[in-house]
Amino acid sequence: MAYTVILHIANEASVAGEVDELPNAADTIITVSNPRQKDGKDLHYIDNGTTKVIWPLIKVSFIEILGDSQEEKIIGFVRE
């Protein structure tokens, strides 16, 4: 199961992407597929054809794990 995450990298803009599995306490790297800015734009320091990037976890301040949009339930008012 792939997770959509946002990596907060020290002294850099946040990076959004997908990971196959979440890192555990023994991991030293994280491999991110389809790296991009949070707004979907390309990262200026990564080549356009790049599909995966490996970051050392020592550079990552923290990781946000985004929920699956299909799991979200929107409850709104319905006018009948």
N, C-alpha and C. Protein backbone atom coordinates (compact mmCIF):
# COMPACT_ATOMS: atom_id res chain seq x y z
N MET A 1 0.84 -1.18 0.00
CA MET A 1 0.00 0.00 0.00
C MET A 1 0.88 1.24 0.00
N ALA A 2 0.67 2.12 -0.93
CA ALA A 2 1.45 3.35 -1.01
C ALA A 2 0.83 4.41 -0.12
N TYR A 3 1.70 5.20 0.50
CA TYR A 3 1.28 6.31 1.35
C TYR A 3 1.68 7.61 0.69
N THR A 4 0.82 8.60 0.74
CA THR A 4 1.17 9.93 0.29
C THR A 4 1.69 10.68 1.50
N VAL A 5 2.88 11.26 1.35
CA VAL A 5 3.54 11.91 2.48
C VAL A 5 4.04 13.29 2.07
N ILE A 6 4.30 14.11 3.08
CA ILE A 6 4.98 15.38 2.90
C ILE A 6 6.22 15.33 3.78
N LEU A 7 7.39 15.46 3.14
CA LEU A 7 8.65 15.49 3.87
C LEU A 7 9.02 16.93 4.16
N HIS A 8 9.34 17.21 5.39
CA HIS A 8 9.82 18.55 5.77
C HIS A 8 11.32 18.43 5.94
N ILE A 9 12.03 18.95 4.94
CA ILE A 9 13.49 18.82 4.87
C ILE A 9 14.11 20.10 5.40
N ALA A 10 15.14 19.96 6.23
CA ALA A 10 15.80 21.11 6.83
C ALA A 10 16.31 22.08 5.76
N ASN A 11 15.98 23.35 5.89
CA ASN A 11 16.42 24.44 5.00
C ASN A 11 15.99 24.27 3.55
N GLU A 12 14.93 23.52 3.29
CA GLU A 12 14.39 23.33 1.95
C GLU A 12 12.87 23.44 2.00
N ALA A 13 12.26 23.57 0.83
CA ALA A 13 10.80 23.56 0.75
C ALA A 13 10.30 22.13 1.00
N SER A 14 9.09 22.02 1.50
CA SER A 14 8.50 20.70 1.75
C SER A 14 8.32 19.95 0.45
N VAL A 15 8.43 18.63 0.52
CA VAL A 15 8.33 17.77 -0.66
C VAL A 15 7.19 16.78 -0.47
N ALA A 16 6.29 16.72 -1.44
CA ALA A 16 5.21 15.74 -1.42
C ALA A 16 5.60 14.57 -2.32
N GLY A 17 5.06 13.41 -2.02
CA GLY A 17 5.33 12.23 -2.84
C GLY A 17 4.69 11.00 -2.23
N GLU A 18 4.99 9.87 -2.82
CA GLU A 18 4.45 8.60 -2.35
C GLU A 18 5.59 7.69 -1.91
N VAL A 19 5.33 6.94 -0.85
CA VAL A 19 6.28 5.93 -0.39
C VAL A 19 5.55 4.60 -0.30
N ASP A 20 6.26 3.51 -0.60
CA ASP A 20 5.66 2.18 -0.53
C ASP A 20 5.43 1.73 0.91
N GLU A 21 6.38 2.07 1.78
CA GLU A 21 6.22 1.73 3.19
C GLU A 21 6.85 2.85 4.02
N LEU A 22 6.33 3.01 5.21
CA LEU A 22 6.82 4.05 6.11
C LEU A 22 8.14 3.61 6.72
N PRO A 23 9.05 4.56 6.97
CA PRO A 23 10.34 4.20 7.56
C PRO A 23 10.17 3.74 9.01
N ASN A 24 11.04 2.83 9.42
CA ASN A 24 11.03 2.40 10.81
C ASN A 24 12.24 2.99 11.52
N ALA A 25 12.40 2.68 12.78
CA ALA A 25 13.45 3.29 13.60
C ALA A 25 14.86 2.94 13.12
N ALA A 26 15.04 1.83 12.44
CA ALA A 26 16.37 1.40 11.99
C ALA A 26 16.75 1.96 10.62
N ASP A 27 15.81 2.55 9.89
CA ASP A 27 16.08 3.06 8.54
C ASP A 27 16.93 4.33 8.58
N THR A 28 17.75 4.49 7.55
CA THR A 28 18.58 5.69 7.43
C THR A 28 18.21 6.51 6.20
N ILE A 29 17.39 5.94 5.30
CA ILE A 29 16.97 6.63 4.09
C ILE A 29 15.47 6.46 3.88
N ILE A 30 14.92 7.33 3.03
CA ILE A 30 13.53 7.19 2.61
C ILE A 30 13.49 7.38 1.09
N THR A 31 12.79 6.49 0.41
CA THR A 31 12.66 6.55 -1.05
C THR A 31 11.27 7.08 -1.39
N VAL A 32 11.25 8.19 -2.11
CA VAL A 32 10.00 8.86 -2.45
C VAL A 32 9.77 8.79 -3.95
N SER A 33 8.58 8.34 -4.35
CA SER A 33 8.20 8.30 -5.77
C SER A 33 7.45 9.58 -6.12
N ASN A 34 7.60 10.03 -7.34
CA ASN A 34 6.93 11.24 -7.85
C ASN A 34 7.12 12.45 -6.95
N PRO A 35 8.36 12.83 -6.65
CA PRO A 35 8.59 13.98 -5.78
C PRO A 35 8.13 15.28 -6.45
N ARG A 36 7.50 16.14 -5.65
CA ARG A 36 6.97 17.41 -6.16
C ARG A 36 6.78 18.35 -4.98
N GLN A 37 6.51 19.61 -5.28
CA GLN A 37 6.16 20.54 -4.22
C GLN A 37 4.75 20.22 -3.74
N LYS A 38 4.37 20.78 -2.61
CA LYS A 38 3.04 20.51 -2.07
C LYS A 38 1.93 20.94 -3.02
N ASP A 39 2.18 21.96 -3.82
CA ASP A 39 1.16 22.44 -4.76
C ASP A 39 1.22 21.71 -6.10
N GLY A 40 2.06 20.68 -6.22
CA GLY A 40 2.12 19.87 -7.43
C GLY A 40 3.16 20.31 -8.45
N LYS A 41 3.82 21.44 -8.22
CA LYS A 41 4.84 21.92 -9.16
C LYS A 41 6.12 21.11 -9.01
N ASP A 42 6.95 21.15 -10.06
CA ASP A 42 8.23 20.44 -10.04
C ASP A 42 9.18 21.09 -9.05
N LEU A 43 10.08 20.28 -8.51
CA LEU A 43 11.14 20.79 -7.64
C LEU A 43 12.27 21.30 -8.52
N HIS A 44 12.77 22.49 -8.26
CA HIS A 44 13.77 23.11 -9.13
C HIS A 44 15.11 22.39 -9.10
N TYR A 45 15.41 21.64 -8.06
CA TYR A 45 16.71 20.98 -7.95
C TYR A 45 16.68 19.51 -8.35
N ILE A 46 15.55 19.05 -8.90
CA ILE A 46 15.44 17.67 -9.37
C ILE A 46 15.10 17.68 -10.86
N ASP A 47 15.77 16.82 -11.62
CA ASP A 47 15.54 16.73 -13.06
C ASP A 47 14.09 16.33 -13.36
N ASN A 48 13.53 16.84 -14.45
CA ASN A 48 12.13 16.60 -14.80
C ASN A 48 11.80 15.12 -15.01
N GLY A 49 12.72 14.31 -15.46
CA GLY A 49 12.46 12.91 -15.73
C GLY A 49 12.59 11.99 -14.52
N THR A 50 12.91 12.54 -13.37
CA THR A 50 13.13 11.74 -12.18
C THR A 50 11.82 11.19 -11.63
N THR A 51 11.79 9.88 -11.34
CA THR A 51 10.58 9.27 -10.80
C THR A 51 10.72 8.89 -9.32
N LYS A 52 11.96 8.67 -8.85
CA LYS A 52 12.19 8.34 -7.44
C LYS A 52 13.41 9.09 -6.94
N VAL A 53 13.35 9.49 -5.67
CA VAL A 53 14.48 10.16 -5.03
C VAL A 53 14.69 9.52 -3.66
N ILE A 54 15.95 9.36 -3.29
CA ILE A 54 16.30 8.81 -1.98
C ILE A 54 16.88 9.94 -1.13
N TRP A 55 16.26 10.19 0.02
CA TRP A 55 16.75 11.20 0.95
C TRP A 55 17.26 10.53 2.21
N PRO A 56 18.36 11.04 2.77
CA PRO A 56 18.80 10.53 4.07
C PRO A 56 17.85 11.07 5.15
N LEU A 57 17.42 10.22 6.05
CA LEU A 57 16.48 10.64 7.08
C LEU A 57 17.07 11.67 8.04
N ILE A 58 18.38 11.77 8.08
CA ILE A 58 19.00 12.77 8.96
C ILE A 58 18.66 14.19 8.50
N LYS A 59 18.34 14.37 7.21
CA LYS A 59 17.97 15.68 6.66
C LYS A 59 16.50 16.00 6.85
N VAL A 60 15.69 15.00 7.19
CA VAL A 60 14.25 15.17 7.29
C VAL A 60 13.88 15.53 8.73
N SER A 61 13.20 16.69 8.89
CA SER A 61 12.76 17.11 10.23
C SER A 61 11.60 16.26 10.72
N PHE A 62 10.58 16.14 9.87
CA PHE A 62 9.45 15.26 10.19
C PHE A 62 8.70 14.92 8.92
N ILE A 63 7.83 13.91 9.01
CA ILE A 63 7.07 13.41 7.87
C ILE A 63 5.59 13.47 8.19
N GLU A 64 4.82 14.09 7.30
CA GLU A 64 3.36 14.09 7.43
C GLU A 64 2.81 12.97 6.56
N ILE A 65 1.88 12.20 7.09
CA ILE A 65 1.24 11.12 6.34
C ILE A 65 -0.17 11.58 6.04
N LEU A 66 -0.49 11.73 4.76
CA LEU A 66 -1.79 12.23 4.36
C LEU A 66 -2.78 11.08 4.25
N GLY A 67 -4.02 11.34 4.63
CA GLY A 67 -5.06 10.33 4.54
C GLY A 67 -5.50 10.12 3.10
N ASP A 68 -6.11 8.99 2.87
CA ASP A 68 -6.62 8.64 1.55
C ASP A 68 -7.91 9.41 1.30
N SER A 69 -7.99 10.12 0.19
CA SER A 69 -9.17 10.94 -0.09
C SER A 69 -10.41 10.07 -0.30
N GLN A 70 -10.24 8.81 -0.68
CA GLN A 70 -11.39 7.93 -0.85
C GLN A 70 -11.98 7.52 0.50
N GLU A 71 -11.18 7.56 1.55
CA GLU A 71 -11.67 7.18 2.87
C GLU A 71 -12.42 8.32 3.55
N GLU A 72 -12.18 9.55 3.09
CA GLU A 72 -12.83 10.69 3.71
C GLU A 72 -14.32 10.67 3.37
N LYS A 73 -15.10 11.00 4.37
CA LYS A 73 -16.53 11.10 4.15
C LYS A 73 -16.94 12.55 4.36
N ILE A 74 -17.52 13.13 3.36
CA ILE A 74 -17.98 14.50 3.44
C ILE A 74 -19.45 14.50 3.74
N ILE A 75 -19.79 15.14 4.82
CA ILE A 75 -21.20 15.24 5.19
C ILE A 75 -21.61 16.70 5.00
N GLY A 76 -22.59 16.91 4.20
CA GLY A 76 -23.05 18.27 3.93
C GLY A 76 -24.56 18.34 4.01
N PHE A 77 -25.06 19.53 3.86
CA PHE A 77 -26.50 19.73 3.90
C PHE A 77 -27.07 19.49 2.50
N VAL A 78 -28.17 18.80 2.47
CA VAL A 78 -28.83 18.52 1.20
C VAL A 78 -30.21 19.15 1.25
N ARG A 79 -30.49 19.92 0.25
CA ARG A 79 -31.79 20.58 0.18
C ARG A 79 -32.72 19.71 -0.64
N GLU A 80 -33.81 19.30 -0.06
CA GLU A 80 -34.75 18.45 -0.77
C GLU A 80 -35.94 19.22 -1.27
